[in-house]
Amino acid sequence: MKSATTFHTSAGRLSLAALLLLIGYGCLMLFPWAWWALLVSGALAWLVAFNSSGRVAFGRPRRLWLVPLGVLLYFGVSILVGIGARTVGLKWTENPAAAAAWWPLIAQLPLMLMGEELLGIGVLEGARAQGCPWWVSTLLSGLVFGLMHFFDYWDGSLGSTLLHVLLLQGVARLILNRIYIAGGQSIWRSWLTHLLIDLVALAI
């Protein structure tokens, strides 16, 4: 992690970026037509928080072999977590997107997931810019990312739903963060991994 570029920001800019992300997330949750809200708010938040220093994350991605590795790692973890959940009698809610019409979902998914990447990586880089070590920054990113899926996977139990989103979506974020930073900061690499994970999950 020592070779990773630290983005330039300030507490004030990060606070404004967080507000923009909350507005985008709120629109996404409240209005079914606002599937693009997190992408728009995420892009604005990224510009506000990091300005030109954030360009490094959008450079040409290297080490693309990490993408299939990340996909396999995620599904390996999810299988183990799923077995554990069933063993203790937990009945988790399935991905709500699985019931949606395929064509609009496939068209929208790449843009929606870029919005999620801007949020997840934004939290990671924002924490790093404020002096947090890598492990704290990535755990914070995983926590925020997991909790943002809470209402999507609500199963009627606070504890069960928290376990679900933290052990699956939260851990997925940790994997995506590692894919992002390994071999150079590339949001394209984590986005592609995220996209393949969701496509495979929807297919099965």
C-alpha atoms as a PDB file:
ATOM      1  CA  MET A   1       0.000   0.000   0.000  1.00  0.00           C
ATOM      2  CA  LYS A   2       3.016   2.321   0.399  1.00  0.00           C
ATOM      3  CA  SER A   3       3.250   2.944  -3.337  1.00  0.00           C
ATOM      4  CA  ALA A   4      -0.382   4.008  -3.690  1.00  0.00           C
ATOM      5  CA  THR A   5      -0.980   7.650  -4.557  1.00  0.00           C
ATOM      6  CA  THR A   6      -2.725   9.658  -1.848  1.00  0.00           C
ATOM      7  CA  PHE A   7      -5.423  11.934  -3.228  1.00  0.00           C
ATOM      8  CA  HIS A   8      -5.602  15.600  -2.214  1.00  0.00           C
ATOM      9  CA  THR A   9      -8.710  16.707  -0.349  1.00  0.00           C
ATOM     10  CA  SER A  10      -9.924  18.379   2.839  1.00  0.00           C
ATOM     11  CA  ALA A  11     -12.447  17.642   5.567  1.00  0.00           C
ATOM     12  CA  GLY A  12     -14.803  20.273   4.141  1.00  0.00           C
ATOM     13  CA  ARG A  13     -14.686  18.859   0.628  1.00  0.00           C
ATOM     14  CA  LEU A  14     -15.204  15.333   1.936  1.00  0.00           C
ATOM     15  CA  SER A  15     -18.216  16.475   3.949  1.00  0.00           C
ATOM     16  CA  LEU A  16     -19.792  18.045   0.864  1.00  0.00           C
ATOM     17  CA  ALA A  17     -19.026  14.906  -1.152  1.00  0.00           C
ATOM     18  CA  ALA A  18     -20.673  12.763   1.538  1.00  0.00           C
ATOM     19  CA  LEU A  19     -23.780  14.957   1.378  1.00  0.00           C
ATOM     20  CA  LEU A  20     -23.960  14.549  -2.393  1.00  0.00           C
ATOM     21  CA  LEU A  21     -23.679  10.774  -2.036  1.00  0.00           C
ATOM     22  CA  LEU A  22     -26.439  10.722   0.575  1.00  0.00           C
ATOM     23  CA  ILE A  23     -28.711  12.696  -1.751  1.00  0.00           C
ATOM     24  CA  GLY A  24     -27.986  10.298  -4.606  1.00  0.00           C
ATOM     25  CA  TYR A  25     -28.555   7.252  -2.417  1.00  0.00           C
ATOM     26  CA  GLY A  26     -31.788   8.734  -1.093  1.00  0.00           C
ATOM     27  CA  CYS A  27     -33.081   9.345  -4.613  1.00  0.00           C
ATOM     28  CA  LEU A  28     -32.119   5.801  -5.603  1.00  0.00           C
ATOM     29  CA  MET A  29     -34.062   4.356  -2.672  1.00  0.00           C
ATOM     30  CA  LEU A  30     -37.122   6.592  -2.989  1.00  0.00           C
ATOM     31  CA  PHE A  31     -37.669   6.788  -6.733  1.00  0.00           C
ATOM     32  CA  PRO A  32     -37.627   3.643  -8.896  1.00  0.00           C
ATOM     33  CA  TRP A  33     -36.837   5.697 -12.007  1.00  0.00           C
ATOM     34  CA  ALA A  34     -33.723   7.231 -10.425  1.00  0.00           C
ATOM     35  CA  TRP A  35     -31.429   4.256 -11.144  1.00  0.00           C
ATOM     36  CA  TRP A  36     -28.816   6.755 -12.351  1.00  0.00           C
ATOM     37  CA  ALA A  37     -28.830   8.848  -9.160  1.00  0.00           C
ATOM     38  CA  LEU A  38     -25.812   7.243  -7.500  1.00  0.00           C
ATOM     39  CA  LEU A  39     -23.749   7.529 -10.682  1.00  0.00           C
ATOM     40  CA  VAL A  40     -24.469  11.253 -11.019  1.00  0.00           C
ATOM     41  CA  SER A  41     -24.007  12.025  -7.320  1.00  0.00           C
ATOM     42  CA  GLY A  42     -20.939   9.778  -7.181  1.00  0.00           C
ATOM     43  CA  ALA A  43     -19.281  11.565 -10.100  1.00  0.00           C
ATOM     44  CA  LEU A  44     -20.028  14.977  -8.594  1.00  0.00           C
ATOM     45  CA  ALA A  45     -18.837  13.834  -5.163  1.00  0.00           C
ATOM     46  CA  TRP A  46     -15.605  12.474  -6.671  1.00  0.00           C
ATOM     47  CA  LEU A  47     -14.879  15.801  -8.401  1.00  0.00           C
ATOM     48  CA  VAL A  48     -15.699  17.795  -5.281  1.00  0.00           C
ATOM     49  CA  ALA A  49     -13.632  15.574  -2.988  1.00  0.00           C
ATOM     50  CA  PHE A  50     -10.534  14.919  -5.077  1.00  0.00           C
ATOM     51  CA  ASN A  51     -10.532  17.414  -7.949  1.00  0.00           C
ATOM     52  CA  SER A  52      -7.711  16.686 -10.408  1.00  0.00           C
ATOM     53  CA  SER A  53      -5.859  14.359  -8.026  1.00  0.00           C
ATOM     54  CA  GLY A  54      -8.580  11.749  -8.541  1.00  0.00           C
ATOM     55  CA  ARG A  55      -7.670  11.315 -12.212  1.00  0.00           C
ATOM     56  CA  VAL A  56      -5.085   8.693 -11.326  1.00  0.00           C
ATOM     57  CA  ALA A  57      -7.886   6.199 -10.634  1.00  0.00           C
ATOM     58  CA  PHE A  58      -9.121   6.446 -14.230  1.00  0.00           C
ATOM     59  CA  GLY A  59      -5.875   5.634 -15.985  1.00  0.00           C
ATOM     60  CA  ARG A  60      -5.361   2.618 -18.193  1.00  0.00           C
ATOM     61  CA  PRO A  61      -5.904  -0.500 -16.063  1.00  0.00           C
ATOM     62  CA  ARG A  62      -3.069  -3.001 -15.695  1.00  0.00           C
ATOM     63  CA  ARG A  63      -2.970  -6.563 -14.355  1.00  0.00           C
ATOM     64  CA  LEU A  64      -6.394  -7.452 -15.715  1.00  0.00           C
ATOM     65  CA  TRP A  65      -5.751 -11.054 -14.673  1.00  0.00           C
ATOM     66  CA  LEU A  66      -6.789  -9.860 -11.219  1.00  0.00           C
ATOM     67  CA  VAL A  67     -10.367  -9.453 -12.462  1.00  0.00           C
ATOM     68  CA  PRO A  68     -11.252 -13.164 -12.856  1.00  0.00           C
ATOM     69  CA  LEU A  69      -9.310 -13.879  -9.671  1.00  0.00           C
ATOM     70  CA  GLY A  70     -11.485 -11.416  -7.795  1.00  0.00           C
ATOM     71  CA  VAL A  71     -14.654 -12.929  -9.256  1.00  0.00           C
ATOM     72  CA  LEU A  72     -13.615 -16.444  -8.213  1.00  0.00           C
ATOM     73  CA  LEU A  73     -12.608 -15.252  -4.746  1.00  0.00           C
ATOM     74  CA  TYR A  74     -15.944 -13.554  -4.212  1.00  0.00           C
ATOM     75  CA  PHE A  75     -17.984 -16.591  -5.210  1.00  0.00           C
ATOM     76  CA  GLY A  76     -15.787 -18.836  -3.105  1.00  0.00           C
ATOM     77  CA  VAL A  77     -16.426 -16.639  -0.078  1.00  0.00           C
ATOM     78  CA  SER A  78     -20.158 -16.302  -0.842  1.00  0.00           C
ATOM     79  CA  ILE A  79     -20.564 -20.089  -1.089  1.00  0.00           C
ATOM     80  CA  LEU A  80     -18.896 -20.586   2.291  1.00  0.00           C
ATOM     81  CA  VAL A  81     -20.935 -17.790   3.889  1.00  0.00           C
ATOM     82  CA  GLY A  82     -24.138 -19.188   2.371  1.00  0.00           C
ATOM     83  CA  ILE A  83     -23.407 -22.659   3.736  1.00  0.00           C
ATOM     84  CA  GLY A  84     -22.745 -21.172   7.158  1.00  0.00           C
ATOM     85  CA  ALA A  85     -25.956 -19.131   7.070  1.00  0.00           C
ATOM     86  CA  ARG A  86     -28.083 -22.142   6.126  1.00  0.00           C
ATOM     87  CA  THR A  87     -26.374 -24.260   8.779  1.00  0.00           C
ATOM     88  CA  VAL A  88     -27.488 -21.883  11.539  1.00  0.00           C
ATOM     89  CA  GLY A  89     -30.976 -21.507  10.057  1.00  0.00           C
ATOM     90  CA  LEU A  90     -30.746 -18.049   8.517  1.00  0.00           C
ATOM     91  CA  LYS A  91     -33.029 -17.376   5.546  1.00  0.00           C
ATOM     92  CA  TRP A  92     -31.592 -14.465   3.645  1.00  0.00           C
ATOM     93  CA  THR A  93     -33.402 -12.444   1.005  1.00  0.00           C
ATOM     94  CA  GLU A  94     -32.248 -13.023  -2.561  1.00  0.00           C
ATOM     95  CA  ASN A  95     -30.933 -10.273  -4.807  1.00  0.00           C
ATOM     96  CA  PRO A  96     -34.002  -8.113  -5.621  1.00  0.00           C
ATOM     97  CA  ALA A  97     -32.572  -7.387  -9.073  1.00  0.00           C
ATOM     98  CA  ALA A  98     -33.097 -11.046  -9.993  1.00  0.00           C
ATOM     99  CA  ALA A  99     -36.834 -10.374 -10.359  1.00  0.00           C
ATOM    100  CA  ALA A 100     -36.355  -7.369 -12.655  1.00  0.00           C
ATOM    101  CA  ALA A 101     -36.752  -7.421 -16.420  1.00  0.00           C
ATOM    102  CA  TRP A 102     -33.442  -8.435 -17.996  1.00  0.00           C
ATOM    103  CA  TRP A 103     -33.077  -5.970 -20.862  1.00  0.00           C
ATOM    104  CA  PRO A 104     -33.316  -2.652 -18.981  1.00  0.00           C
ATOM    105  CA  LEU A 105     -31.312  -4.116 -16.106  1.00  0.00           C
ATOM    106  CA  ILE A 106     -28.426  -5.230 -18.341  1.00  0.00           C
ATOM    107  CA  ALA A 107     -28.390  -1.813 -20.000  1.00  0.00           C
ATOM    108  CA  GLN A 108     -28.425   0.050 -16.685  1.00  0.00           C
ATOM    109  CA  LEU A 109     -26.156  -2.222 -14.650  1.00  0.00           C
ATOM    110  CA  PRO A 110     -22.740  -0.944 -15.880  1.00  0.00           C
ATOM    111  CA  LEU A 111     -23.695   2.654 -15.045  1.00  0.00           C
ATOM    112  CA  MET A 112     -25.255   1.748 -11.706  1.00  0.00           C
ATOM    113  CA  LEU A 113     -22.164  -0.201 -10.680  1.00  0.00           C
ATOM    114  CA  MET A 114     -19.856   2.663 -11.626  1.00  0.00           C
ATOM    115  CA  GLY A 115     -21.896   4.745  -9.182  1.00  0.00           C
ATOM    116  CA  GLU A 116     -21.302   2.110  -6.493  1.00  0.00           C
ATOM    117  CA  GLU A 117     -17.587   2.051  -7.305  1.00  0.00           C
ATOM    118  CA  LEU A 118     -17.346   5.835  -7.030  1.00  0.00           C
ATOM    119  CA  LEU A 119     -18.937   5.560  -3.605  1.00  0.00           C
ATOM    120  CA  GLY A 120     -16.907   2.589  -2.362  1.00  0.00           C
ATOM    121  CA  ILE A 121     -13.554   3.770  -3.687  1.00  0.00           C
ATOM    122  CA  GLY A 122     -14.424   7.330  -2.713  1.00  0.00           C
ATOM    123  CA  VAL A 123     -14.820   6.298   0.934  1.00  0.00           C
ATOM    124  CA  LEU A 124     -11.568   4.325   0.726  1.00  0.00           C
ATOM    125  CA  GLU A 125      -9.540   7.162  -0.790  1.00  0.00           C
ATOM    126  CA  GLY A 126     -11.203   9.806   1.357  1.00  0.00           C
ATOM    127  CA  ALA A 127     -10.195   7.949   4.519  1.00  0.00           C
ATOM    128  CA  ARG A 128      -6.654   7.410   3.203  1.00  0.00           C
ATOM    129  CA  ALA A 129      -6.383  11.103   2.363  1.00  0.00           C
ATOM    130  CA  GLN A 130      -7.255  11.919   5.968  1.00  0.00           C
ATOM    131  CA  GLY A 131      -4.374   9.790   7.220  1.00  0.00           C
ATOM    132  CA  CYS A 132      -6.104   6.484   7.925  1.00  0.00           C
ATOM    133  CA  PRO A 133      -4.019   3.370   7.203  1.00  0.00           C
ATOM    134  CA  TRP A 134      -5.079   1.066   4.387  1.00  0.00           C
ATOM    135  CA  TRP A 135      -6.722  -1.540   6.614  1.00  0.00           C
ATOM    136  CA  VAL A 136      -8.868   1.053   8.410  1.00  0.00           C
ATOM    137  CA  SER A 137      -9.829   2.746   5.131  1.00  0.00           C
ATOM    138  CA  THR A 138     -10.847  -0.484   3.412  1.00  0.00           C
ATOM    139  CA  LEU A 139     -12.828  -1.702   6.436  1.00  0.00           C
ATOM    140  CA  LEU A 140     -14.663   1.634   6.582  1.00  0.00           C
ATOM    141  CA  SER A 141     -15.406   1.369   2.864  1.00  0.00           C
ATOM    142  CA  GLY A 142     -16.681  -2.191   3.330  1.00  0.00           C
ATOM    143  CA  LEU A 143     -18.890  -1.138   6.241  1.00  0.00           C
ATOM    144  CA  VAL A 144     -20.465   1.747   4.320  1.00  0.00           C
ATOM    145  CA  PHE A 145     -20.893  -0.370   1.201  1.00  0.00           C
ATOM    146  CA  GLY A 146     -22.511  -3.200   3.113  1.00  0.00           C
ATOM    147  CA  LEU A 147     -24.906  -0.923   4.986  1.00  0.00           C
ATOM    148  CA  MET A 148     -26.028   0.822   1.796  1.00  0.00           C
ATOM    149  CA  HIS A 149     -27.516  -2.532   0.738  1.00  0.00           C
ATOM    150  CA  PHE A 150     -29.398  -2.994   4.017  1.00  0.00           C
ATOM    151  CA  PHE A 151     -32.868  -2.117   2.753  1.00  0.00           C
ATOM    152  CA  ASP A 152     -32.413  -4.131  -0.440  1.00  0.00           C
ATOM    153  CA  TYR A 153     -31.815  -7.298   1.567  1.00  0.00           C
ATOM    154  CA  TRP A 154     -34.091  -6.680   4.547  1.00  0.00           C
ATOM    155  CA  ASP A 155     -35.465 -10.044   5.701  1.00  0.00           C
ATOM    156  CA  GLY A 156     -37.450  -8.930   8.729  1.00  0.00           C
ATOM    157  CA  SER A 157     -34.599  -9.369  11.206  1.00  0.00           C
ATOM    158  CA  LEU A 158     -32.092  -6.650  12.084  1.00  0.00           C
ATOM    159  CA  GLY A 159     -29.359  -9.070  13.083  1.00  0.00           C
ATOM    160  CA  SER A 160     -29.844 -11.409  10.142  1.00  0.00           C
ATOM    161  CA  THR A 161     -29.903  -8.586   7.607  1.00  0.00           C
ATOM    162  CA  LEU A 162     -26.793  -6.988   9.099  1.00  0.00           C
ATOM    163  CA  LEU A 163     -24.943 -10.294   8.914  1.00  0.00           C
ATOM    164  CA  HIS A 164     -26.055 -10.689   5.309  1.00  0.00           C
ATOM    165  CA  VAL A 165     -24.939  -7.295   4.013  1.00  0.00           C
ATOM    166  CA  LEU A 166     -21.688  -7.228   5.997  1.00  0.00           C
ATOM    167  CA  LEU A 167     -20.574 -10.780   5.227  1.00  0.00           C
ATOM    168  CA  LEU A 168     -21.536 -10.683   1.535  1.00  0.00           C
ATOM    169  CA  GLN A 169     -21.735  -7.105   0.247  1.00  0.00           C
ATOM    170  CA  GLY A 170     -19.234  -5.775   2.802  1.00  0.00           C
ATOM    171  CA  VAL A 171     -16.706  -8.522   2.086  1.00  0.00           C
ATOM    172  CA  ALA A 172     -17.291  -8.051  -1.653  1.00  0.00           C
ATOM    173  CA  ARG A 173     -16.219  -4.448  -1.178  1.00  0.00           C
ATOM    174  CA  LEU A 174     -13.000  -5.549   0.542  1.00  0.00           C
ATOM    175  CA  ILE A 175     -12.215  -7.782  -2.438  1.00  0.00           C
ATOM    176  CA  LEU A 176     -13.017  -4.992  -4.909  1.00  0.00           C
ATOM    177  CA  ASN A 177     -10.841  -2.570  -2.956  1.00  0.00           C
ATOM    178  CA  ARG A 178      -7.935  -4.975  -3.164  1.00  0.00           C
ATOM    179  CA  ILE A 179      -8.484  -5.435  -6.905  1.00  0.00           C
ATOM    180  CA  TYR A 180      -8.593  -1.649  -7.242  1.00  0.00           C
ATOM    181  CA  ILE A 181      -5.320  -0.994  -5.489  1.00  0.00           C
ATOM    182  CA  ALA A 182      -3.263  -4.030  -6.535  1.00  0.00           C
ATOM    183  CA  GLY A 183      -0.816  -3.102  -9.255  1.00  0.00           C
ATOM    184  CA  GLY A 184      -1.946   0.527  -9.337  1.00  0.00           C
ATOM    185  CA  GLN A 185      -5.141   2.346  -8.450  1.00  0.00           C
ATOM    186  CA  SER A 186      -7.680   1.524 -11.171  1.00  0.00           C
ATOM    187  CA  ILE A 187     -11.388   2.018 -10.707  1.00  0.00           C
ATOM    188  CA  TRP A 188     -11.869   0.393 -14.115  1.00  0.00           C
ATOM    189  CA  ARG A 189     -10.442  -2.876 -12.773  1.00  0.00           C
ATOM    190  CA  SER A 190     -12.680  -2.934  -9.695  1.00  0.00           C
ATOM    191  CA  TRP A 191     -15.687  -1.865 -11.796  1.00  0.00           C
ATOM    192  CA  LEU A 192     -15.140  -4.683 -14.286  1.00  0.00           C
ATOM    193  CA  THR A 193     -14.790  -7.203 -11.452  1.00  0.00           C
ATOM    194  CA  HIS A 194     -17.976  -5.856  -9.862  1.00  0.00           C
ATOM    195  CA  LEU A 195     -19.838  -6.049 -13.170  1.00  0.00           C
ATOM    196  CA  LEU A 196     -18.822  -9.660 -13.816  1.00  0.00           C
ATOM    197  CA  ILE A 197     -19.779 -10.661 -10.260  1.00  0.00           C
ATOM    198  CA  ASP A 198     -23.254  -9.199 -10.644  1.00  0.00           C
ATOM    199  CA  LEU A 199     -23.783 -10.643 -14.112  1.00  0.00           C
ATOM    200  CA  VAL A 200     -22.810 -14.132 -12.973  1.00  0.00           C
ATOM    201  CA  ALA A 201     -24.963 -13.796  -9.828  1.00  0.00           C
ATOM    202  CA  LEU A 202     -27.977 -12.778 -11.919  1.00  0.00           C
ATOM    203  CA  ALA A 203     -27.384 -15.625 -14.364  1.00  0.00           C
ATOM    204  CA  ILE A 204     -27.354 -18.275 -11.665  1.00  0.00           C
END
